[in-house]
Protein backbone atom coordinates (compact mmCIF):
# COMPACT_ATOMS: atom_id res chain seq x y z
CA MET A 1 -77.26 -13.80 52.19
CA LEU A 2 -75.58 -10.84 50.27
CA GLN A 3 -72.35 -11.85 48.81
CA ARG A 4 -69.37 -9.15 49.83
CA SER A 5 -67.47 -7.41 47.18
CA SER A 6 -64.38 -9.85 46.60
CA GLY A 7 -60.79 -8.69 47.70
CA GLU A 8 -61.80 -5.49 48.96
CA GLU A 9 -59.40 -6.05 52.23
CA ALA A 10 -56.80 -7.71 50.29
CA VAL A 11 -54.59 -4.75 49.80
CA ILE A 12 -54.37 -1.77 52.24
CA THR A 13 -53.72 1.50 50.67
CA ALA A 14 -51.90 3.73 52.90
CA PRO A 15 -54.05 7.04 53.66
CA THR A 16 -53.41 9.85 51.39
CA ALA A 17 -50.29 11.76 53.26
CA LEU A 18 -51.45 14.85 54.66
CA PRO A 19 -49.16 17.97 53.99
CA ALA A 20 -46.90 18.13 57.16
CA TRP A 21 -46.87 21.91 56.99
CA ARG A 22 -50.56 22.08 57.46
CA PRO A 23 -50.71 21.09 61.44
CA VAL A 24 -47.29 22.54 61.96
CA LEU A 25 -48.90 26.02 60.77
CA PHE A 26 -51.96 25.51 62.60
CA PHE A 27 -50.31 24.59 66.09
CA LEU A 28 -47.81 27.70 65.40
CA CYS A 29 -50.81 29.93 65.21
CA ILE A 30 -52.59 28.42 68.18
CA GLY A 31 -49.31 28.51 70.29
CA LEU A 32 -48.69 32.18 69.06
CA THR A 33 -52.28 33.18 69.91
CA MET A 34 -52.55 31.52 73.00
CA ALA A 35 -48.99 33.30 74.06
CA GLY A 36 -50.61 36.38 73.08
CA LEU A 37 -53.39 36.30 75.22
CA ILE A 38 -51.63 35.06 78.09
CA TRP A 39 -49.17 38.13 77.96
CA LEU A 40 -52.03 40.15 77.49
CA ALA A 41 -53.62 38.54 80.95
CA THR A 42 -50.55 39.25 82.57
CA VAL A 43 -50.24 42.91 81.47
CA ALA A 44 -53.71 43.42 82.34
CA LEU A 45 -53.19 42.10 86.15
CA SER A 46 -49.88 44.00 86.50
CA PRO A 47 -50.81 47.08 88.50
CA GLY A 48 -48.58 46.83 91.90
CA GLY A 49 -46.71 43.84 90.49
CA LEU A 50 -47.89 40.16 90.05
CA SER A 51 -48.79 38.34 93.07
CA ALA A 52 -49.39 34.74 93.68
CA LEU A 53 -53.32 35.17 92.80
CA ASP A 54 -52.74 36.87 89.69
CA ILE A 55 -50.31 33.99 88.97
CA VAL A 56 -53.10 31.78 89.96
CA LEU A 57 -55.42 33.65 87.57
CA VAL A 58 -53.20 33.79 84.72
CA ALA A 59 -52.63 29.70 84.81
CA LEU A 60 -56.64 29.18 85.05
CA PHE A 61 -57.02 31.59 82.01
CA ALA A 62 -54.44 29.88 80.13
CA LEU A 63 -56.34 26.61 80.77
CA THR A 64 -59.58 27.85 79.13
CA LEU A 65 -57.52 29.11 76.16
CA PRO A 66 -57.49 25.85 73.72
CA TRP A 67 -61.16 25.72 73.08
CA TYR A 68 -61.98 28.98 71.54
CA VAL A 69 -58.25 29.70 70.20
CA ILE A 70 -58.67 26.52 68.18
CA GLY A 71 -62.16 27.36 67.26
CA PHE A 72 -61.35 30.57 66.08
CA TRP A 73 -58.40 29.07 63.74
CA ASN A 74 -60.51 26.38 62.42
CA ALA A 75 -63.38 28.89 61.80
CA THR A 76 -60.87 31.41 59.92
CA ILE A 77 -59.58 28.48 57.71
CA GLY A 78 -63.12 27.17 57.02
CA LEU A 79 -64.17 30.66 56.11
CA LEU A 80 -61.32 31.24 53.66
CA ILE A 81 -62.28 27.60 51.92
CA MET A 82 -65.70 28.48 52.10
CA ARG A 83 -65.24 31.80 50.25
CA PHE A 84 -62.54 30.83 47.74
CA ALA A 85 -62.72 27.14 47.06
CA PRO A 86 -64.61 26.14 44.18
CA ASP A 87 -65.96 22.94 46.12
CA PRO A 88 -65.06 23.28 50.09
CA VAL A 89 -66.17 19.70 50.72
CA VAL A 90 -63.81 18.70 47.85
CA ALA A 91 -61.13 20.84 49.05
CA VAL A 92 -61.20 19.12 52.34
CA LEU A 93 -62.08 15.67 50.94
CA PRO A 94 -60.61 15.06 47.70
CA ALA A 95 -62.09 11.46 47.29
CA ALA A 96 -65.41 13.23 47.01
CA GLY A 97 -64.24 14.85 44.06
CA ARG A 98 -63.45 11.74 42.14
CA LEU A 99 -66.91 10.56 42.08
CA ALA A 100 -69.13 10.76 38.89
CA GLY A 101 -72.17 9.68 41.20
CA ASP A 102 -73.29 6.91 39.00
CA GLU A 103 -70.93 4.29 40.00
CA PRO A 104 -72.39 0.84 40.75
CA ILE A 105 -72.83 -0.05 44.40
CA THR A 106 -70.99 -3.47 44.58
CA ALA A 107 -70.31 -3.53 48.50
CA SER A 108 -72.68 -4.94 50.81
CA THR A 109 -73.63 -2.29 53.57
CA ALA A 110 -75.27 -3.10 56.88
CA ILE A 111 -77.45 -0.16 58.15
CA LEU A 112 -77.00 -0.17 62.05
CA LEU A 113 -79.93 1.45 63.96
CA CYS A 114 -79.27 1.38 67.78
CA ILE A 115 -82.15 2.02 70.12
CA ARG A 116 -83.03 1.78 73.61
CA ASN A 117 -86.29 2.41 75.78
CA GLU A 118 -87.52 4.98 72.94
CA PRO A 119 -91.09 4.88 71.37
CA PRO A 120 -90.33 2.97 67.85
CA GLU A 121 -92.58 4.61 65.48
CA ALA A 122 -90.57 7.81 64.31
CA ALA A 123 -87.47 5.58 63.77
CA ALA A 124 -89.81 3.05 61.65
CA ARG A 125 -90.86 5.86 59.84
CA MET A 126 -87.15 7.28 59.03
CA LEU A 127 -86.23 3.82 58.08
CA ALA A 128 -89.32 3.00 55.78
CA ALA A 129 -88.30 6.44 53.91
CA MET A 130 -84.60 5.28 53.66
CA MET A 131 -85.50 1.76 52.51
CA GLN A 132 -87.91 3.38 49.84
CA GLY A 133 -85.35 5.45 48.39
CA LEU A 134 -82.66 2.52 48.32
CA ALA A 135 -85.33 0.80 46.64
CA ALA A 136 -86.14 3.19 43.96
CA HIS A 137 -82.30 3.67 43.23
CA GLY A 138 -82.44 -0.12 42.39
CA VAL A 139 -79.56 -1.18 45.10
CA GLY A 140 -81.98 -2.48 47.52
CA GLU A 141 -80.06 -5.76 47.46
CA ARG A 142 -76.87 -4.31 48.31
CA PHE A 143 -78.21 -3.09 51.88
CA HIS A 144 -79.34 -4.77 55.08
CA VAL A 145 -81.17 -2.74 57.69
CA TYR A 146 -80.22 -4.17 61.62
CA VAL A 147 -82.22 -2.75 64.36
CA LEU A 148 -80.20 -3.10 67.51
CA SER A 149 -82.17 -2.70 70.38
CA ASP A 150 -80.86 -2.32 74.03
CA THR A 151 -84.47 -1.76 75.39
CA SER A 152 -85.25 -3.13 78.87
CA ASN A 153 -88.71 -1.92 79.23
CA ASP A 154 -90.80 -4.80 78.13
CA GLU A 155 -93.63 -2.79 77.00
CA ILE A 156 -91.68 -0.69 74.63
CA ALA A 157 -90.05 -3.97 73.59
CA ALA A 158 -93.51 -5.51 72.65
CA ALA A 159 -94.26 -2.27 70.48
CA GLU A 160 -90.56 -2.51 69.12
CA ASP A 161 -91.09 -6.16 67.97
CA ALA A 162 -94.37 -5.53 66.36
CA CYS A 163 -93.36 -2.21 64.41
CA PHE A 164 -90.27 -3.60 63.06
CA ALA A 165 -91.69 -7.04 62.54
CA ALA A 166 -94.55 -5.13 60.32
CA LEU A 167 -91.50 -3.04 58.30
CA ALA A 168 -89.82 -6.17 57.87
CA THR A 169 -92.74 -7.87 56.13
CA ALA A 170 -93.40 -5.10 54.13
CA TRP A 171 -90.15 -4.75 52.53
CA ARG A 172 -89.43 -8.48 52.25
CA GLY A 173 -87.98 -9.65 48.84
CA ARG A 174 -86.71 -6.14 48.30
CA ILE A 175 -84.56 -5.04 51.43
CA GLY A 176 -83.99 -7.06 54.34
CA LEU A 177 -84.62 -6.05 57.84
CA THR A 178 -83.37 -7.56 61.11
CA TYR A 179 -84.56 -6.65 64.66
CA ARG A 180 -82.47 -7.95 67.54
CA ARG A 181 -83.13 -7.14 71.24
CA ARG A 182 -80.34 -7.71 73.77
CA THR A 183 -81.63 -8.48 77.28
CA HIS A 184 -78.69 -6.90 79.15
CA ASN A 185 -77.15 -3.54 77.76
CA VAL A 186 -73.48 -4.62 78.18
CA ALA A 187 -70.89 -2.18 77.24
CA PHE A 188 -73.58 0.30 76.33
CA LYS A 189 -73.74 1.38 72.73
CA ALA A 190 -70.65 -0.31 71.84
CA GLY A 191 -71.45 -3.24 73.15
CA ASN A 192 -74.39 -3.39 70.92
CA ILE A 193 -72.54 -2.93 67.84
CA GLY A 194 -69.76 -5.26 69.00
CA ASP A 195 -72.48 -7.94 69.18
CA PHE A 196 -73.50 -7.12 65.75
CA CYS A 197 -70.05 -7.46 64.64
CA ALA A 198 -69.70 -10.97 66.16
CA ARG A 199 -72.96 -12.22 64.60
CA TRP A 200 -73.23 -10.58 61.05
CA GLY A 201 -70.09 -8.52 60.67
CA LYS A 202 -68.41 -11.02 58.00
CA ASP A 203 -71.48 -10.77 56.05
CA HIS A 204 -70.95 -7.18 55.15
CA ASP A 205 -68.05 -4.60 53.86
CA PHE A 206 -69.50 -1.22 55.47
CA ALA A 207 -71.73 -0.33 57.91
CA ILE A 208 -74.00 3.01 58.35
CA MET A 209 -74.34 3.83 62.24
CA LEU A 210 -77.50 5.44 63.07
CA ASP A 211 -78.87 6.32 66.46
CA ALA A 212 -82.46 6.47 67.15
CA ASP A 213 -82.73 10.06 66.52
CA SER A 214 -80.71 10.06 63.25
CA ALA A 215 -82.02 10.65 59.70
CA MET A 216 -79.67 10.78 56.55
CA SER A 217 -80.77 11.23 52.86
CA VAL A 218 -80.38 8.30 50.55
CA ASP A 219 -78.49 10.38 48.23
CA LEU A 220 -75.68 10.73 51.04
CA ILE A 221 -75.82 7.02 51.92
CA LEU A 222 -74.79 6.26 48.37
CA LYS A 223 -72.41 8.70 48.28
CA LEU A 224 -70.58 7.50 51.68
CA VAL A 225 -70.49 3.91 50.08
CA ARG A 226 -68.96 5.17 46.77
CA ILE A 227 -66.48 6.82 48.37
CA MET A 228 -65.52 3.99 50.59
CA GLN A 229 -65.76 1.81 47.43
CA THR A 230 -63.28 3.87 45.67
CA ASP A 231 -60.86 4.52 48.56
CA PRO A 232 -59.78 1.32 50.18
CA SER A 233 -57.54 3.22 52.79
CA LEU A 234 -60.58 5.11 54.43
CA GLY A 235 -61.73 3.20 57.63
CA ILE A 236 -64.42 5.96 58.75
CA LEU A 237 -65.99 8.29 56.92
CA GLN A 238 -67.97 11.05 59.14
CA SER A 239 -70.88 13.07 57.69
CA LEU A 240 -71.60 16.19 59.07
CA VAL A 241 -74.25 16.11 61.30
CA ILE A 242 -76.71 18.89 61.78
CA GLY A 243 -79.76 19.51 63.99
CA MET A 244 -83.54 18.68 62.94
CA PRO A 245 -85.88 21.37 63.05
CA SER A 246 -87.52 21.83 66.27
CA ALA A 247 -90.72 23.26 68.16
CA SER A 248 -88.65 23.27 71.35
CA PRO A 249 -87.52 26.95 71.89
CA PHE A 250 -84.37 25.53 73.76
CA ALA A 251 -83.52 23.02 70.74
CA ARG A 252 -84.15 25.55 68.44
CA ILE A 253 -82.10 28.44 69.47
CA PHE A 254 -79.27 25.78 70.49
CA GLN A 255 -79.14 24.06 66.93
CA PHE A 256 -79.42 27.53 64.98
CA GLY A 257 -76.21 28.36 66.68
CA MET A 258 -74.57 25.04 66.15
CA ARG A 259 -75.72 25.46 62.42
CA LEU A 260 -73.68 28.60 62.14
CA SER A 261 -70.48 27.23 63.85
CA MET A 262 -70.30 23.54 62.54
CA ARG A 263 -69.62 24.52 58.90
CA SER A 264 -66.87 26.76 59.13
CA TYR A 265 -65.49 24.85 62.12
CA THR A 266 -65.59 21.39 60.34
CA ILE A 267 -64.30 22.49 57.16
CA GLY A 268 -61.41 24.26 58.78
CA SER A 269 -60.46 21.55 60.74
CA ALA A 270 -60.56 18.84 58.05
CA TRP A 271 -58.51 20.83 56.21
CA TRP A 272 -55.56 20.36 58.60
CA GLN A 273 -56.40 17.10 60.34
CA GLY A 274 -56.67 15.43 57.06
CA ASP A 275 -56.85 11.52 57.55
CA CYS A 276 -56.94 11.59 61.12
CA GLY A 277 -60.35 13.50 61.68
CA PRO A 278 -62.95 12.94 64.15
CA TYR A 279 -65.94 10.02 64.60
CA TRP A 280 -69.03 11.01 66.51
CA GLY A 281 -70.42 7.69 66.60
CA HIS A 282 -73.45 8.07 64.14
CA ASN A 283 -74.16 9.39 60.78
CA ALA A 284 -71.02 7.62 59.70
CA ILE A 285 -69.94 4.66 57.46
CA VAL A 286 -67.36 2.41 58.86
CA ARG A 287 -65.41 -0.18 57.28
CA ILE A 288 -66.15 -3.47 59.32
CA ALA A 289 -63.13 -5.87 58.76
CA PRO A 290 -60.63 -3.53 60.32
CA PHE A 291 -63.10 -2.17 62.94
CA ILE A 292 -63.54 -5.76 64.05
CA THR A 293 -59.85 -6.43 64.13
CA HIS A 294 -58.56 -3.07 65.49
CA CYS A 295 -61.31 -1.09 67.49
CA GLN A 296 -62.05 -3.63 70.27
CA LEU A 297 -62.10 -1.52 73.50
CA PRO A 298 -60.95 -2.61 77.02
CA VAL A 299 -62.94 -2.75 80.11
CA LEU A 300 -61.08 -0.16 82.48
CA SER A 301 -60.40 -1.57 86.16
CA GLU A 302 -58.55 -0.26 89.00
CA GLY A 303 -56.54 3.18 88.65
CA ALA A 304 -59.17 4.61 86.20
CA LEU A 305 -60.66 7.54 87.19
CA VAL A 306 -64.14 5.95 85.84
CA LYS A 307 -63.94 2.24 85.64
CA GLY A 308 -65.74 -0.26 83.35
CA HIS A 309 -66.64 -0.33 79.82
CA VAL A 310 -65.81 2.65 77.70
CA LEU A 311 -68.53 5.03 77.44
CA SER A 312 -67.39 7.36 74.94
CA HIS A 313 -66.22 4.78 72.56
CA ASP A 314 -66.46 7.03 69.15
CA GLN A 315 -63.31 8.89 69.13
CA LEU A 316 -61.33 6.20 70.78
CA GLU A 317 -62.63 3.82 67.84
CA ALA A 318 -61.20 6.53 65.24
CA VAL A 319 -57.63 6.94 66.78
CA LEU A 320 -57.59 2.92 66.89
CA MET A 321 -58.79 2.84 63.23
CA ARG A 322 -56.26 5.38 62.09
CA ARG A 323 -53.48 3.45 64.06
CA ALA A 324 -54.20 0.42 62.01
CA GLY A 325 -53.33 2.29 58.81
CA TYR A 326 -56.91 3.55 57.93
CA GLY A 327 -57.91 7.18 57.48
CA VAL A 328 -60.66 8.71 59.25
CA ARG A 329 -62.33 11.75 57.57
CA VAL A 330 -65.14 14.17 57.21
CA LEU A 331 -67.62 14.71 54.47
CA ALA A 332 -68.11 18.36 55.34
CA GLY A 333 -71.29 18.96 53.32
CA GLU A 334 -74.36 19.86 55.03
CA GLY A 335 -78.10 19.27 54.72
CA SER A 336 -78.24 15.61 54.38
CA SER A 337 -77.32 14.20 57.81
CA PHE A 338 -79.42 14.93 60.79
CA GLU A 339 -80.08 14.42 64.30
CA GLN A 340 -82.42 15.40 67.42
CA ASN A 341 -80.81 17.61 69.99
CA PRO A 342 -82.18 17.60 73.63
CA PRO A 343 -85.53 19.66 73.91
CA THR A 344 -84.89 21.16 77.07
CA LEU A 345 -81.85 22.54 79.15
CA VAL A 346 -82.32 19.86 81.74
CA GLU A 347 -81.76 17.08 79.08
CA PHE A 348 -79.07 19.04 77.43
CA ILE A 349 -76.92 19.10 80.58
CA ARG A 350 -77.65 15.25 81.47
CA ARG A 351 -76.40 14.51 78.02
CA ASP A 352 -73.40 16.78 78.54
CA LEU A 353 -72.53 15.26 81.83
CA ARG A 354 -72.58 11.70 80.20
CA TRP A 355 -70.10 12.83 77.64
CA CYS A 356 -68.09 14.60 80.35
CA GLN A 357 -68.02 11.01 82.36
CA GLY A 358 -66.90 9.28 79.15
CA ASN A 359 -64.22 11.74 77.89
CA MET A 360 -62.35 11.41 81.57
CA GLN A 361 -61.84 7.94 80.66
CA TYR A 362 -59.63 9.05 77.75
CA TRP A 363 -56.97 9.52 80.51
CA GLN A 364 -56.09 6.13 80.10
CA PHE A 365 -55.45 6.17 76.37
CA LEU A 366 -53.48 9.23 75.99
CA ARG A 367 -50.21 7.26 76.18
CA LEU A 368 -51.38 4.16 74.24
CA PRO A 369 -48.43 3.02 71.96
CA GLY A 370 -48.47 3.66 68.13
CA LEU A 371 -50.89 6.53 68.08
CA HIS A 372 -50.90 9.16 65.45
CA PRO A 373 -50.09 12.57 67.07
CA LEU A 374 -53.06 14.39 65.96
CA SER A 375 -55.02 11.14 67.53
CA ARG A 376 -53.46 12.16 70.81
CA TYR A 377 -54.76 15.56 70.26
CA HIS A 378 -58.08 14.37 69.76
CA LEU A 379 -58.20 12.72 73.05
CA ALA A 380 -56.62 15.51 74.89
CA PHE A 381 -58.71 17.98 73.30
CA ALA A 382 -61.70 16.06 74.38
CA ILE A 383 -60.46 16.16 78.24
CA LEU A 384 -59.72 19.91 77.79
CA MET A 385 -63.01 20.63 76.49
CA PHE A 386 -64.45 19.92 79.85
CA LEU A 387 -61.48 20.81 82.28
CA GLY A 388 -61.64 24.23 81.06
CA SER A 389 -65.09 24.58 82.67
CA PRO A 390 -63.49 24.64 86.40
CA ALA A 391 -61.14 26.68 85.11
CA TRP A 392 -63.68 29.48 84.03
CA ILE A 393 -65.49 29.10 87.36
CA GLY A 394 -61.99 29.56 89.26
CA VAL A 395 -61.45 32.70 86.98
CA LEU A 396 -64.89 34.00 88.02
CA LEU A 397 -64.77 32.99 92.07
CA ILE A 398 -60.96 33.87 92.74
CA GLY A 399 -61.14 37.04 90.49
CA SER A 400 -64.34 38.06 91.88
CA ALA A 401 -62.54 37.75 95.57
CA ALA A 402 -59.24 39.80 94.51
CA VAL A 403 -61.53 42.46 93.05
CA ALA A 404 -63.38 42.65 96.31
CA LEU A 405 -60.19 42.83 98.26
CA ALA A 406 -58.30 45.32 96.31
CA PRO A 407 -58.50 48.94 97.32
CA THR A 408 -59.89 49.77 94.04
CA PRO A 409 -60.59 47.68 90.94
CA SER A 410 -57.97 49.68 89.16
CA ASP A 411 -55.40 48.46 91.47
CA PHE A 412 -56.36 44.83 90.51
CA MET A 413 -56.45 45.21 86.86
CA ARG A 414 -55.74 47.60 84.23
CA TRP A 415 -58.96 48.65 82.52
CA ASP A 416 -57.99 49.21 79.08
CA VAL A 417 -55.69 45.90 78.65
CA GLY A 418 -58.56 44.08 80.27
CA MET A 419 -61.27 45.21 77.90
CA ALA A 420 -58.93 44.56 75.00
CA GLY A 421 -58.43 40.94 76.32
CA LEU A 422 -62.31 40.58 76.87
CA LEU A 423 -63.24 41.81 73.50
CA LEU A 424 -60.65 39.31 71.73
CA VAL A 425 -62.00 36.44 73.90
CA LEU A 426 -65.49 37.29 72.92
CA THR A 427 -64.50 37.71 69.20
CA MET A 428 -62.79 34.07 69.09
CA TRP A 429 -65.55 32.48 71.12
CA PHE A 430 -68.05 33.42 68.32
CA ALA A 431 -65.61 33.12 65.62
CA PRO A 432 -67.38 30.05 64.19
CA ASN A 433 -70.73 31.74 64.35
CA ILE A 434 -69.24 34.73 62.62
CA ALA A 435 -67.57 33.09 59.62
CA THR A 436 -70.81 31.30 58.77
CA VAL A 437 -72.76 34.44 59.30
CA ILE A 438 -70.72 36.10 56.89
CA ASP A 439 -70.85 33.24 54.35
CA VAL A 440 -75.03 33.27 54.48
CA LEU A 441 -75.29 36.99 54.34
CA THR A 442 -73.31 37.24 51.15
CA ARG A 443 -75.50 34.62 49.55
CA ALA A 444 -79.13 35.38 48.56
CA LYS A 445 -80.44 31.59 48.23
CA LEU A 446 -78.88 31.02 51.62
CA ARG A 447 -80.28 33.95 53.09
CA HIS A 448 -83.79 33.08 51.81
CA LEU A 449 -83.47 29.42 53.17
CA PHE A 450 -82.80 30.92 56.66
CA GLY A 451 -85.82 33.33 56.44
CA GLY A 452 -84.15 36.16 55.00
CA GLY A 453 -81.36 38.77 55.90
CA LEU A 454 -83.41 40.50 58.71
CA ARG A 455 -84.80 37.41 60.41
CA PHE A 456 -81.28 35.60 60.25
CA SER A 457 -79.59 38.42 61.73
CA ALA A 458 -82.26 38.78 64.64
CA SER A 459 -81.61 35.29 65.09
CA PHE A 460 -77.89 35.42 65.39
CA ALA A 461 -78.52 38.01 68.29
CA ILE A 462 -80.53 35.75 69.89
CA THR A 463 -77.95 33.17 69.52
CA ILE A 464 -75.36 35.61 71.12
CA VAL A 465 -77.36 36.19 74.24
CA PHE A 466 -78.69 32.39 74.63
CA VAL A 467 -74.87 31.31 74.43
CA VAL A 468 -73.46 33.74 76.88
CA LEU A 469 -76.10 32.39 79.23
CA LEU A 470 -75.57 28.66 78.45
CA ALA A 471 -72.02 28.23 78.31
CA PRO A 472 -71.54 29.43 81.97
CA ILE A 473 -74.23 27.09 83.07
CA MET A 474 -72.24 24.40 81.48
CA TRP A 475 -69.15 25.48 83.13
CA ALA A 476 -70.85 25.39 86.43
CA SER A 477 -72.55 21.76 85.70
CA HIS A 478 -69.09 20.44 84.63
CA THR A 479 -67.31 21.81 87.57
CA LEU A 480 -69.92 20.22 90.20
CA PHE A 481 -69.79 16.92 88.45
CA LEU A 482 -65.99 16.81 87.96
CA ALA A 483 -65.82 17.42 91.63
CA GLY A 484 -68.50 14.65 92.37
CA LEU A 485 -66.20 12.22 90.01
CA LEU A 486 -63.20 12.56 91.89
CA ARG A 487 -65.15 11.44 95.04
CA GLY A 488 -66.27 8.34 92.86
CA ARG A 489 -69.88 9.62 91.86
CA THR A 490 -70.83 8.64 88.51
CA LEU A 491 -73.94 8.94 86.37
CA ASP A 492 -76.07 5.91 85.14
CA TRP A 493 -76.19 6.08 81.16
CA ASP A 494 -79.87 6.30 81.12
CA PRO A 495 -82.07 6.72 77.93
CA GLN A 496 -82.96 10.50 76.83
CA ALA A 497 -86.06 12.33 76.87
CA ARG A 498 -86.16 13.24 73.30
CA HIS A 499 -89.80 14.45 72.75
CA ASP A 500 -90.78 18.27 73.52
CA HIS A 501 -91.97 18.69 77.17
CA GLN A 502 -92.30 21.37 79.50
CA VAL A 503 -89.85 21.79 82.74
CA PRO A 504 -91.91 22.54 85.60
CA TRP A 505 -90.14 25.23 88.23
CA SER A 506 -89.93 22.13 91.07
CA LEU A 507 -87.78 20.39 88.45
CA ALA A 508 -85.63 23.36 87.40
CA LEU A 509 -84.95 24.08 91.08
CA ARG A 510 -84.13 20.79 91.90
CA GLN A 511 -81.82 20.44 89.07
CA PHE A 512 -79.89 23.77 89.13
CA TRP A 513 -79.96 25.37 92.68
CA PRO A 514 -76.45 24.48 92.99
CA GLN A 515 -75.39 26.50 89.63
CA THR A 516 -77.64 29.40 91.05
CA LEU A 517 -75.70 29.62 94.35
CA LEU A 518 -72.44 29.33 92.40
CA GLY A 519 -73.54 32.26 90.33
CA LEU A 520 -74.78 34.18 93.17
CA ALA A 521 -72.05 34.15 95.36
CA PRO A 522 -69.67 36.31 93.24
CA VAL A 523 -72.68 38.70 92.21
CA PHE A 524 -73.34 39.35 95.96
CA LEU A 525 -69.58 39.89 96.94
CA LEU A 526 -69.29 42.41 93.97
CA ALA A 527 -72.36 44.29 94.78
CA VAL A 528 -71.19 44.92 98.31
CA ALA A 529 -67.48 45.47 97.73
CA ALA A 530 -67.11 46.56 93.97
CA PRO A 531 -70.24 47.43 92.12
CA GLY A 532 -68.50 48.61 89.11
CA ALA A 533 -67.43 45.03 88.46
CA LEU A 534 -70.40 43.55 88.40
CA PRO A 535 -71.15 43.63 84.45
CA TYR A 536 -68.13 41.81 83.70
CA ALA A 537 -68.93 39.04 86.51
CA LEU A 538 -72.12 38.56 85.04
CA LEU A 539 -70.74 37.33 81.69
CA ILE A 540 -70.04 34.08 83.53
CA ALA A 541 -71.98 34.56 86.82
CA GLY A 542 -75.30 35.17 84.85
CA GLY A 543 -75.86 32.01 83.06
CA PRO A 544 -75.80 30.01 86.57
CA LEU A 545 -77.97 32.79 88.02
CA LEU A 546 -80.59 32.54 85.70
CA SER A 547 -80.42 28.87 85.14
CA ILE A 548 -83.66 28.13 86.74
CA PRO A 549 -85.79 30.51 84.84
CA LEU A 550 -84.01 29.57 81.56
CA ALA A 551 -84.72 26.18 81.75
CA VAL A 552 -88.33 26.68 82.51
CA ALA A 553 -89.01 29.61 79.71
CA THR A 554 -86.81 27.74 77.05
CA ALA A 555 -88.99 24.28 77.33
CA SER A 556 -92.27 26.54 77.05
CA PRO A 557 -94.28 25.48 74.12
CA ALA A 558 -96.03 28.90 73.57
CA LEU A 559 -92.68 30.32 73.18
CA GLY A 560 -91.48 27.80 70.57
CA ARG A 561 -94.82 28.64 68.36
CA LEU A 562 -93.93 32.42 68.83
CA LEU A 563 -90.41 31.65 67.27
CA ILE A 564 -91.65 29.44 64.59
CA ALA A 565 -94.40 32.05 63.73
CA VAL A 566 -92.42 35.07 63.23
CA GLY A 567 -89.81 33.00 61.45
CA LEU A 568 -86.76 33.02 64.02
CA ASP A 569 -84.13 30.32 64.46
CA ARG A 570 -85.44 29.06 61.03
CA LEU A 571 -83.31 26.58 59.43
CA PRO A 572 -82.88 26.17 55.68
CA GLU A 573 -84.95 22.62 56.36
CA GLU A 574 -88.15 24.41 57.33
CA THR A 575 -88.01 26.60 54.23
CA LEU A 576 -87.67 23.62 52.01
CA PRO A 577 -87.83 20.46 53.81
CA PRO A 578 -86.12 17.35 52.36
CA PRO A 579 -88.03 14.22 51.80
CA GLU A 580 -86.26 12.00 54.68
CA LEU A 581 -87.37 14.97 57.05
CA ARG A 582 -91.03 15.28 55.61
CA ALA A 583 -91.15 11.53 56.35
CA LEU A 584 -90.68 12.07 59.97
CA ARG A 585 -93.77 14.44 60.52
CA LEU A 586 -91.88 17.13 62.30
CA PRO A 587 -93.93 19.62 64.01
CA ALA A 588 -91.48 22.44 63.38
CA ILE A 589 -91.54 21.65 59.67
CA GLU A 590 -95.40 21.56 59.73
CA MET A 591 -95.78 24.91 61.80
CA SER A 592 -93.12 26.59 59.84
CA GLN A 593 -94.70 25.61 56.49
CA ARG A 594 -98.06 26.89 57.78
CA ALA A 595 -96.54 30.04 59.11
CA ALA A 596 -95.07 30.81 55.52
């Protein structure tokens, strides 16, 4: 058995202090911006004085603000750092700048791959490429791979057993691989990792967390380990995860937009959050000893909105790690850490509602003693990102009714102030995307990797239309789900369908008829009573109204092939594929290379 590095947990160095003025300045900007927007909404609704209905609308509007106001300021800070810092990653994670890059790997690191009811071949290819890279660097003896299965399907379990047994045999003597299958999915993924900690945690210093759809470069893995070795105050170091190239139209368009927003957003947030950052549960490295000691999760009982085991375990583990005195930080460099995104709108909503259900458990932990104030912010923000959805739907329904009842639209809202507010909201909404667009368009190499300036700009235009449709569908879905959750209706934590597949009209109709009706009602009302207000209502109602055809169209293989053929929504990894993605034989990369 591998020996752990000596004395690593003997002394806990306090996390590097975050300058107190940074979060103070950030939240001051947030507060002033929100106050200004609320004032603008109040003025816009002022014709004839503020009625009770107007006050309700202002309150609902205020509830929608945190998500995109925080995004705007994160993106603004991120853009300034990207443009003016010599190394943006080091600017927000100084420990990364202290590495020479050739420090010996002395710690023992477990690589944990959590799987459940999914074909094992792709995961095995990813592990094989990773193990080959570790062996090539001469550090194979310092790593051990654990495939942690919660598979309940006997046929898939047999395939897993054969697949990973062959992989273990092929690498015997160079890198260890252990396959373990639980027969009961107790406590979901957190329970799976907890079982590893109980059985093998004492044998290792660190754990690299991977999901079935994860991929990481060996260089990144070694960098994460070296940073953890040199900074014993770090408990969790999260990498910046980006989407793998996809041939699915939905995933392709979605992850292009996410690629634009995540870099500026993550760099900006890391600047003011410091050692109290986020943890996304995968593509990260964790210090095992404090994780075992301090990050055990309770089972929620009576009084909880969602009882039972904690579902969204990752951010809660992060705040517990920070409470124990260990830092949680983000390595904000992109291009070395990947995940698959859901291939269809149906699967995307299923995943999002599971997150919604899990995040609603955070209510129980907001008053947990000893938490850092920024840890409470993370939990509250995770709740608000879903509570803003019914607020948006309330603005749509109540606002449409108010316009319909007013003698004229101008009696309800001042057009000039309302339009100014709308433009400000849209600018803040897309600020993380716009920040990265500016960065890419001013860098010739990045423009080339994204397919050239013209294709990149056209892809961004597609992203704007797509997000304007997708976000209200999510708001409607969250609203319907939260209403059911209050009545005790919960979702099962089933495995995802990660492979590309079409969505038949019948499935789209069954899935999205409530959202369609939710969009149709205000459109019909305004078409009869105030047609001039329809274009503004459609900014929210249009997505739900078109959710059924959008679900079908964005799952079309023909549309995916067309986007790839003309180079739209291209990611840099399609132009210059890294070895870890080539090993996965992704159809999008193969088709993009042929098209190029």
